[in-house]
């Protein structure tokens, strides 16, 4: 018997949308996975997300335009408790 493995919800560049569901990354599935993966080291999750936010900012600012406020999208949710599995 075989089981299908769920696709990992990763970002695409330069738009930073999820490659699986097309929502802004980190989508809710990616958020849940990241919270679970980093459950023992939440400070490392925030460092990782800060680095990803910086990369996204570089990709998303076009022609010297106004920098985007990506804090809510990339970091604000990371203070939630990880889901139990």
PDB file of N, CA and C in Angstrom:
ATOM      1  N   UNK A   1       0.846  -1.169   0.000  1.00  0.00           N
ATOM      2  CA  UNK A   1       0.000   0.000   0.000  1.00  0.00           C
ATOM      3  C   UNK A   1       0.896   1.237   0.000  1.00  0.00           C
ATOM      4  N   UNK A   2       0.574   2.209  -0.830  1.00  0.00           N
ATOM      5  CA  UNK A   2       1.351   3.443  -0.892  1.00  0.00           C
ATOM      6  C   UNK A   2       0.505   4.598  -0.382  1.00  0.00           C
ATOM      7  N   UNK A   3       1.180   5.568   0.121  1.00  0.00           N
ATOM      8  CA  UNK A   3       0.486   6.778   0.561  1.00  0.00           C
ATOM      9  C   UNK A   3       1.078   7.972  -0.163  1.00  0.00           C
ATOM     10  N   UNK A   4       0.228   8.917  -0.478  1.00  0.00           N
ATOM     11  CA  UNK A   4       0.699  10.134  -1.127  1.00  0.00           C
ATOM     12  C   UNK A   4       1.246  11.072  -0.069  1.00  0.00           C
ATOM     13  N   UNK A   5       2.414  11.613  -0.322  1.00  0.00           N
ATOM     14  CA  UNK A   5       3.007  12.561   0.605  1.00  0.00           C
ATOM     15  C   UNK A   5       2.525  13.964   0.252  1.00  0.00           C
ATOM     16  N   UNK A   6       2.135  14.719   1.254  1.00  0.00           N
ATOM     17  CA  UNK A   6       1.655  16.086   1.020  1.00  0.00           C
ATOM     18  C   UNK A   6       2.797  16.954   0.520  1.00  0.00           C
ATOM     19  N   UNK A   7       2.514  17.748  -0.492  1.00  0.00           N
ATOM     20  CA  UNK A   7       3.524  18.641  -1.051  1.00  0.00           C
ATOM     21  C   UNK A   7       3.891  19.709  -0.031  1.00  0.00           C
ATOM     22  N   UNK A   8       5.173  20.051  -0.002  1.00  0.00           N
ATOM     23  CA  UNK A   8       5.646  21.074   0.912  1.00  0.00           C
ATOM     24  C   UNK A   8       5.273  22.452   0.378  1.00  0.00           C
ATOM     25  N   UNK A   9       4.718  23.276   1.222  1.00  0.00           N
ATOM     26  CA  UNK A   9       4.271  24.622   0.844  1.00  0.00           C
ATOM     27  C   UNK A   9       5.449  25.586   0.922  1.00  0.00           C
ATOM     28  N   UNK A  10       6.154  25.723  -0.198  1.00  0.00           N
ATOM     29  CA  UNK A  10       7.318  26.595  -0.298  1.00  0.00           C
ATOM     30  C   UNK A  10       6.974  27.826  -1.113  1.00  0.00           C
ATOM     31  N   UNK A  11       7.814  28.845  -1.014  1.00  0.00           N
ATOM     32  CA  UNK A  11       7.575  30.087  -1.749  1.00  0.00           C
ATOM     33  C   UNK A  11       8.211  30.042  -3.130  1.00  0.00           C
ATOM     34  N   UNK A  12       7.626  30.794  -4.034  1.00  0.00           N
ATOM     35  CA  UNK A  12       8.205  31.011  -5.351  1.00  0.00           C
ATOM     36  C   UNK A  12       8.716  32.439  -5.417  1.00  0.00           C
ATOM     37  N   UNK A  13       9.730  32.651  -6.211  1.00  0.00           N
ATOM     38  CA  UNK A  13      10.281  33.995  -6.351  1.00  0.00           C
ATOM     39  C   UNK A  13      10.001  34.485  -7.753  1.00  0.00           C
ATOM     40  N   UNK A  14       9.769  35.715  -7.969  1.00  0.00           N
ATOM     41  CA  UNK A  14       9.940  36.849  -7.066  1.00  0.00           C
ATOM     42  C   UNK A  14       8.661  37.257  -6.343  1.00  0.00           C
ATOM     43  N   UNK A  15       7.534  36.568  -6.578  1.00  0.00           N
ATOM     44  CA  UNK A  15       6.272  37.035  -5.988  1.00  0.00           C
ATOM     45  C   UNK A  15       6.037  36.542  -4.563  1.00  0.00           C
ATOM     46  N   UNK A  16       6.775  35.539  -4.145  1.00  0.00           N
ATOM     47  CA  UNK A  16       6.670  34.995  -2.799  1.00  0.00           C
ATOM     48  C   UNK A  16       5.283  34.440  -2.497  1.00  0.00           C
ATOM     49  N   UNK A  17       4.670  33.841  -3.491  1.00  0.00           N
ATOM     50  CA  UNK A  17       3.423  33.104  -3.291  1.00  0.00           C
ATOM     51  C   UNK A  17       3.762  31.633  -3.141  1.00  0.00           C
ATOM     52  N   UNK A  18       2.905  30.911  -2.438  1.00  0.00           N
ATOM     53  CA  UNK A  18       3.101  29.487  -2.207  1.00  0.00           C
ATOM     54  C   UNK A  18       3.040  28.741  -3.545  1.00  0.00           C
ATOM     55  N   UNK A  19       3.973  27.831  -3.744  1.00  0.00           N
ATOM     56  CA  UNK A  19       4.014  27.064  -4.981  1.00  0.00           C
ATOM     57  C   UNK A  19       2.919  26.006  -5.058  1.00  0.00           C
ATOM     58  N   UNK A  20       2.313  25.663  -3.924  1.00  0.00           N
ATOM     59  CA  UNK A  20       1.270  24.645  -3.905  1.00  0.00           C
ATOM     60  C   UNK A  20      -0.121  25.267  -3.998  1.00  0.00           C
ATOM     61  N   UNK A  21      -0.417  26.238  -3.123  1.00  0.00           N
ATOM     62  CA  UNK A  21      -1.778  26.781  -3.062  1.00  0.00           C
ATOM     63  C   UNK A  21      -1.915  28.166  -3.683  1.00  0.00           C
ATOM     64  N   UNK A  22      -0.797  28.828  -3.983  1.00  0.00           N
ATOM     65  CA  UNK A  22      -0.831  30.136  -4.626  1.00  0.00           C
ATOM     66  C   UNK A  22      -1.103  31.312  -3.705  1.00  0.00           C
ATOM     67  N   UNK A  23      -1.286  31.053  -2.417  1.00  0.00           N
ATOM     68  CA  UNK A  23      -1.524  32.151  -1.468  1.00  0.00           C
ATOM     69  C   UNK A  23      -0.199  32.806  -1.093  1.00  0.00           C
ATOM     70  N   UNK A  24      -0.263  34.023  -0.541  1.00  0.00           N
ATOM     71  CA  UNK A  24       0.974  34.671  -0.088  1.00  0.00           C
ATOM     72  C   UNK A  24       1.701  33.777   0.922  1.00  0.00           C
ATOM     73  N   UNK A  25       3.000  33.581   0.682  1.00  0.00           N
ATOM     74  CA  UNK A  25       3.797  32.742   1.571  1.00  0.00           C
ATOM     75  C   UNK A  25       4.329  33.576   2.725  1.00  0.00           C
ATOM     76  N   UNK A  26       4.326  33.054   3.927  1.00  0.00           N
ATOM     77  CA  UNK A  26       3.941  31.715   4.317  1.00  0.00           C
ATOM     78  C   UNK A  26       2.425  31.581   4.457  1.00  0.00           C
ATOM     79  N   UNK A  27       1.868  30.668   3.680  1.00  0.00           N
ATOM     80  CA  UNK A  27       0.428  30.405   3.733  1.00  0.00           C
ATOM     81  C   UNK A  27       0.110  29.720   5.067  1.00  0.00           C
ATOM     82  N   UNK A  28      -1.146  29.521   5.348  1.00  0.00           N
ATOM     83  CA  UNK A  28      -1.522  28.936   6.646  1.00  0.00           C
ATOM     84  C   UNK A  28      -0.940  27.538   6.833  1.00  0.00           C
ATOM     85  N   UNK A  29      -0.837  26.768   5.759  1.00  0.00           N
ATOM     86  CA  UNK A  29      -0.246  25.434   5.864  1.00  0.00           C
ATOM     87  C   UNK A  29       1.243  25.531   6.166  1.00  0.00           C
ATOM     88  N   UNK A  30       1.940  26.441   5.493  1.00  0.00           N
ATOM     89  CA  UNK A  30       3.368  26.645   5.759  1.00  0.00           C
ATOM     90  C   UNK A  30       3.573  27.142   7.187  1.00  0.00           C
ATOM     91  N   UNK A  31       2.714  28.029   7.642  1.00  0.00           N
ATOM     92  CA  UNK A  31       2.832  28.541   9.008  1.00  0.00           C
ATOM     93  C   UNK A  31       2.716  27.401  10.018  1.00  0.00           C
ATOM     94  N   UNK A  32       1.703  26.555   9.852  1.00  0.00           N
ATOM     95  CA  UNK A  32       1.510  25.429  10.775  1.00  0.00           C
ATOM     96  C   UNK A  32       2.714  24.490  10.741  1.00  0.00           C
ATOM     97  N   UNK A  33       3.227  24.209   9.560  1.00  0.00           N
ATOM     98  CA  UNK A  33       4.390  23.330   9.430  1.00  0.00           C
ATOM     99  C   UNK A  33       5.630  23.932  10.088  1.00  0.00           C
ATOM    100  N   UNK A  34       5.838  25.228   9.861  1.00  0.00           N
ATOM    101  CA  UNK A  34       6.996  25.889  10.451  1.00  0.00           C
ATOM    102  C   UNK A  34       6.888  25.957  11.971  1.00  0.00           C
ATOM    103  N   UNK A  35       5.703  26.254  12.492  1.00  0.00           N
ATOM    104  CA  UNK A  35       5.523  26.278  13.943  1.00  0.00           C
ATOM    105  C   UNK A  35       5.819  24.912  14.547  1.00  0.00           C
ATOM    106  N   UNK A  36       5.389  23.858  13.878  1.00  0.00           N
ATOM    107  CA  UNK A  36       5.642  22.507  14.370  1.00  0.00           C
ATOM    108  C   UNK A  36       7.130  22.158  14.265  1.00  0.00           C
ATOM    109  N   UNK A  37       7.721  22.463  13.106  1.00  0.00           N
ATOM    110  CA  UNK A  37       9.126  22.125  12.876  1.00  0.00           C
ATOM    111  C   UNK A  37      10.058  22.819  13.862  1.00  0.00           C
ATOM    112  N   UNK A  38       9.767  24.059  14.176  1.00  0.00           N
ATOM    113  CA  UNK A  38      10.621  24.849  15.067  1.00  0.00           C
ATOM    114  C   UNK A  38      10.073  24.917  16.494  1.00  0.00           C
ATOM    115  N   UNK A  39       9.195  24.004  16.862  1.00  0.00           N
ATOM    116  CA  UNK A  39       8.511  24.070  18.161  1.00  0.00           C
ATOM    117  C   UNK A  39       9.483  24.120  19.340  1.00  0.00           C
ATOM    118  N   UNK A  40      10.630  23.476  19.226  1.00  0.00           N
ATOM    119  CA  UNK A  40      11.598  23.471  20.326  1.00  0.00           C
ATOM    120  C   UNK A  40      12.517  24.694  20.290  1.00  0.00           C
ATOM    121  N   UNK A  41      12.521  25.407  19.160  1.00  0.00           N
ATOM    122  CA  UNK A  41      13.430  26.539  18.988  1.00  0.00           C
ATOM    123  C   UNK A  41      12.709  27.711  18.335  1.00  0.00           C
ATOM    124  N   UNK A  42      11.725  28.302  19.019  1.00  0.00           N
ATOM    125  CA  UNK A  42      10.953  29.381  18.403  1.00  0.00           C
ATOM    126  C   UNK A  42      11.793  30.600  18.019  1.00  0.00           C
ATOM    127  N   UNK A  43      12.874  30.857  18.726  1.00  0.00           N
ATOM    128  CA  UNK A  43      13.717  31.996  18.355  1.00  0.00           C
ATOM    129  C   UNK A  43      14.388  31.755  17.002  1.00  0.00           C
ATOM    130  N   UNK A  44      14.732  30.514  16.695  1.00  0.00           N
ATOM    131  CA  UNK A  44      15.316  30.197  15.387  1.00  0.00           C
ATOM    132  C   UNK A  44      14.290  30.369  14.268  1.00  0.00           C
ATOM    133  N   UNK A  45      13.041  30.072  14.558  1.00  0.00           N
ATOM    134  CA  UNK A  45      11.973  30.305  13.573  1.00  0.00           C
ATOM    135  C   UNK A  45      11.907  31.790  13.238  1.00  0.00           C
ATOM    136  N   UNK A  46      11.958  32.626  14.244  1.00  0.00           N
ATOM    137  CA  UNK A  46      11.870  34.070  14.009  1.00  0.00           C
ATOM    138  C   UNK A  46      13.090  34.594  13.243  1.00  0.00           C
ATOM    139  N   UNK A  47      14.258  34.029  13.503  1.00  0.00           N
ATOM    140  CA  UNK A  47      15.453  34.408  12.740  1.00  0.00           C
ATOM    141  C   UNK A  47      15.290  33.982  11.282  1.00  0.00           C
ATOM    142  N   UNK A  48      14.836  32.757  11.062  1.00  0.00           N
ATOM    143  CA  UNK A  48      14.611  32.259   9.708  1.00  0.00           C
ATOM    144  C   UNK A  48      13.602  33.137   8.967  1.00  0.00           C
ATOM    145  N   UNK A  49      12.491  33.445   9.626  1.00  0.00           N
ATOM    146  CA  UNK A  49      11.453  34.253   8.984  1.00  0.00           C
ATOM    147  C   UNK A  49      11.930  35.679   8.715  1.00  0.00           C
ATOM    148  N   UNK A  50      12.753  36.220   9.599  1.00  0.00           N
ATOM    149  CA  UNK A  50      13.311  37.552   9.369  1.00  0.00           C
ATOM    150  C   UNK A  50      14.180  37.558   8.121  1.00  0.00           C
ATOM    151  N   UNK A  51      14.980  36.517   7.947  1.00  0.00           N
ATOM    152  CA  UNK A  51      15.829  36.413   6.756  1.00  0.00           C
ATOM    153  C   UNK A  51      14.973  36.273   5.499  1.00  0.00           C
ATOM    154  N   UNK A  52      13.901  35.475   5.587  1.00  0.00           N
ATOM    155  CA  UNK A  52      13.011  35.309   4.441  1.00  0.00           C
ATOM    156  C   UNK A  52      12.304  36.622   4.110  1.00  0.00           C
ATOM    157  N   UNK A  53      11.912  37.365   5.138  1.00  0.00           N
ATOM    158  CA  UNK A  53      11.246  38.646   4.923  1.00  0.00           C
ATOM    159  C   UNK A  53      12.190  39.627   4.217  1.00  0.00           C
ATOM    160  N   UNK A  54      13.451  39.628   4.621  1.00  0.00           N
ATOM    161  CA  UNK A  54      14.434  40.507   3.993  1.00  0.00           C
ATOM    162  C   UNK A  54      14.608  40.139   2.519  1.00  0.00           C
ATOM    163  N   UNK A  55      14.685  38.851   2.227  1.00  0.00           N
ATOM    164  CA  UNK A  55      14.802  38.397   0.835  1.00  0.00           C
ATOM    165  C   UNK A  55      13.573  38.811   0.031  1.00  0.00           C
ATOM    166  N   UNK A  56      12.400  38.630   0.615  1.00  0.00           N
ATOM    167  CA  UNK A  56      11.156  38.999  -0.074  1.00  0.00           C
ATOM    168  C   UNK A  56      11.108  40.492  -0.334  1.00  0.00           C
ATOM    169  N   UNK A  57      11.535  41.275   0.619  1.00  0.00           N
ATOM    170  CA  UNK A  57      11.546  42.722   0.457  1.00  0.00           C
ATOM    171  C   UNK A  57      12.415  43.126  -0.729  1.00  0.00           C
ATOM    172  N   UNK A  58      13.570  42.486  -0.863  1.00  0.00           N
ATOM    173  CA  UNK A  58      14.448  42.775  -1.996  1.00  0.00           C
ATOM    174  C   UNK A  58      13.772  42.414  -3.320  1.00  0.00           C
ATOM    175  N   UNK A  59      13.030  41.314  -3.344  1.00  0.00           N
ATOM    176  CA  UNK A  59      12.343  40.882  -4.565  1.00  0.00           C
ATOM    177  C   UNK A  59      11.139  41.752  -4.889  1.00  0.00           C
ATOM    178  N   UNK A  60      10.463  42.261  -3.875  1.00  0.00           N
ATOM    179  CA  UNK A  60       9.176  42.923  -4.077  1.00  0.00           C
ATOM    180  C   UNK A  60       9.270  44.435  -4.287  1.00  0.00           C
ATOM    181  N   UNK A  61      10.356  45.051  -3.876  1.00  0.00           N
ATOM    182  CA  UNK A  61      10.503  46.490  -4.084  1.00  0.00           C
ATOM    183  C   UNK A  61      11.006  46.690  -5.514  1.00  0.00           C
ATOM    184  N   UNK A  62      10.207  47.376  -6.308  1.00  0.00           N
ATOM    185  CA  UNK A  62      10.521  47.562  -7.721  1.00  0.00           C
ATOM    186  C   UNK A  62      10.730  49.041  -7.997  1.00  0.00           C
ATOM    187  N   UNK A  63      11.770  49.346  -8.746  1.00  0.00           N
ATOM    188  CA  UNK A  63      12.053  50.713  -9.176  1.00  0.00           C
ATOM    189  C   UNK A  63      12.148  51.697  -8.013  1.00  0.00           C
ATOM    190  N   UNK A  64      12.745  51.275  -6.909  1.00  0.00           N
ATOM    191  CA  UNK A  64      12.934  52.172  -5.778  1.00  0.00           C
ATOM    192  C   UNK A  64      11.637  52.599  -5.120  1.00  0.00           C
ATOM    193  N   UNK A  65      10.569  51.838  -5.321  1.00  0.00           N
ATOM    194  CA  UNK A  65       9.266  52.175  -4.751  1.00  0.00           C
ATOM    195  C   UNK A  65       9.248  52.080  -3.238  1.00  0.00           C
ATOM    196  N   UNK A  66       8.123  52.388  -2.682  1.00  0.00           N
ATOM    197  CA  UNK A  66       7.913  52.361  -1.243  1.00  0.00           C
ATOM    198  C   UNK A  66       8.137  50.938  -0.711  1.00  0.00           C
ATOM    199  N   UNK A  67       8.962  50.748   0.322  1.00  0.00           N
ATOM    200  CA  UNK A  67       9.126  49.405   0.898  1.00  0.00           C
ATOM    201  C   UNK A  67       7.798  48.885   1.430  1.00  0.00           C
ATOM    202  N   UNK A  68       7.595  47.611   1.261  1.00  0.00           N
ATOM    203  CA  UNK A  68       6.365  46.976   1.738  1.00  0.00           C
ATOM    204  C   UNK A  68       6.474  46.670   3.220  1.00  0.00           C
ATOM    205  N   UNK A  69       5.357  46.719   3.924  1.00  0.00           N
ATOM    206  CA  UNK A  69       5.331  46.301   5.319  1.00  0.00           C
ATOM    207  C   UNK A  69       5.005  44.812   5.342  1.00  0.00           C
ATOM    208  N   UNK A  70       6.021  44.004   5.469  1.00  0.00           N
ATOM    209  CA  UNK A  70       5.846  42.553   5.424  1.00  0.00           C
ATOM    210  C   UNK A  70       5.851  41.911   6.807  1.00  0.00           C
ATOM    211  N   UNK A  71       5.902  42.718   7.854  1.00  0.00           N
ATOM    212  CA  UNK A  71       5.974  42.172   9.213  1.00  0.00           C
ATOM    213  C   UNK A  71       4.788  41.258   9.521  1.00  0.00           C
ATOM    214  N   UNK A  72       3.579  41.720   9.253  1.00  0.00           N
ATOM    215  CA  UNK A  72       2.394  40.908   9.557  1.00  0.00           C
ATOM    216  C   UNK A  72       2.439  39.578   8.819  1.00  0.00           C
ATOM    217  N   UNK A  73       2.833  39.624   7.590  1.00  0.00           N
ATOM    218  CA  UNK A  73       2.868  38.417   6.758  1.00  0.00           C
ATOM    219  C   UNK A  73       3.938  37.433   7.209  1.00  0.00           C
ATOM    220  N   UNK A  74       5.124  37.924   7.544  1.00  0.00           N
ATOM    221  CA  UNK A  74       6.244  37.035   7.818  1.00  0.00           C
ATOM    222  C   UNK A  74       6.504  36.751   9.290  1.00  0.00           C
ATOM    223  N   UNK A  75       6.193  37.678  10.185  1.00  0.00           N
ATOM    224  CA  UNK A  75       6.627  37.493  11.569  1.00  0.00           C
ATOM    225  C   UNK A  75       5.533  37.519  12.628  1.00  0.00           C
ATOM    226  N   UNK A  76       4.508  38.307  12.458  1.00  0.00           N
ATOM    227  CA  UNK A  76       3.532  38.505  13.536  1.00  0.00           C
ATOM    228  C   UNK A  76       2.911  37.192  14.013  1.00  0.00           C
ATOM    229  N   UNK A  77       2.657  36.280  13.110  1.00  0.00           N
ATOM    230  CA  UNK A  77       1.996  35.019  13.453  1.00  0.00           C
ATOM    231  C   UNK A  77       2.932  34.052  14.189  1.00  0.00           C
ATOM    232  N   UNK A  78       4.233  34.287  14.160  1.00  0.00           N
ATOM    233  CA  UNK A  78       5.212  33.326  14.670  1.00  0.00           C
ATOM    234  C   UNK A  78       5.247  33.245  16.193  1.00  0.00           C
ATOM    235  N   UNK A  79       4.443  34.040  16.883  1.00  0.00           N
ATOM    236  CA  UNK A  79       4.391  33.980  18.345  1.00  0.00           C
ATOM    237  C   UNK A  79       3.247  33.098  18.833  1.00  0.00           C
ATOM    238  N   UNK A  80       2.552  32.441  17.915  1.00  0.00           N
ATOM    239  CA  UNK A  80       1.483  31.503  18.293  1.00  0.00           C
ATOM    240  C   UNK A  80       2.101  30.234  18.845  1.00  0.00           C
ATOM    241  N   UNK A  81       1.292  29.505  19.580  1.00  0.00           N
ATOM    242  CA  UNK A  81       1.728  28.197  20.066  1.00  0.00           C
ATOM    243  C   UNK A  81       1.711  27.214  18.912  1.00  0.00           C
ATOM    244  N   UNK A  82       2.696  26.306  18.841  1.00  0.00           N
ATOM    245  CA  UNK A  82       2.692  25.324  17.758  1.00  0.00           C
ATOM    246  C   UNK A  82       1.540  24.350  17.904  1.00  0.00           C
ATOM    247  N   UNK A  83       1.001  23.882  16.760  1.00  0.00           N
ATOM    248  CA  UNK A  83      -0.092  22.915  16.821  1.00  0.00           C
ATOM    249  C   UNK A  83       0.401  21.571  17.305  1.00  0.00           C
ATOM    250  N   UNK A  84      -0.435  20.856  17.987  1.00  0.00           N
ATOM    251  CA  UNK A  84      -0.096  19.497  18.437  1.00  0.00           C
ATOM    252  C   UNK A  84      -0.403  18.547  17.291  1.00  0.00           C
ATOM    253  N   UNK A  85       0.468  17.597  17.097  1.00  0.00           N
ATOM    254  CA  UNK A  85       0.242  16.605  16.041  1.00  0.00           C
ATOM    255  C   UNK A  85       0.189  15.230  16.610  1.00  0.00           C
TER     256      UNK A  85
END
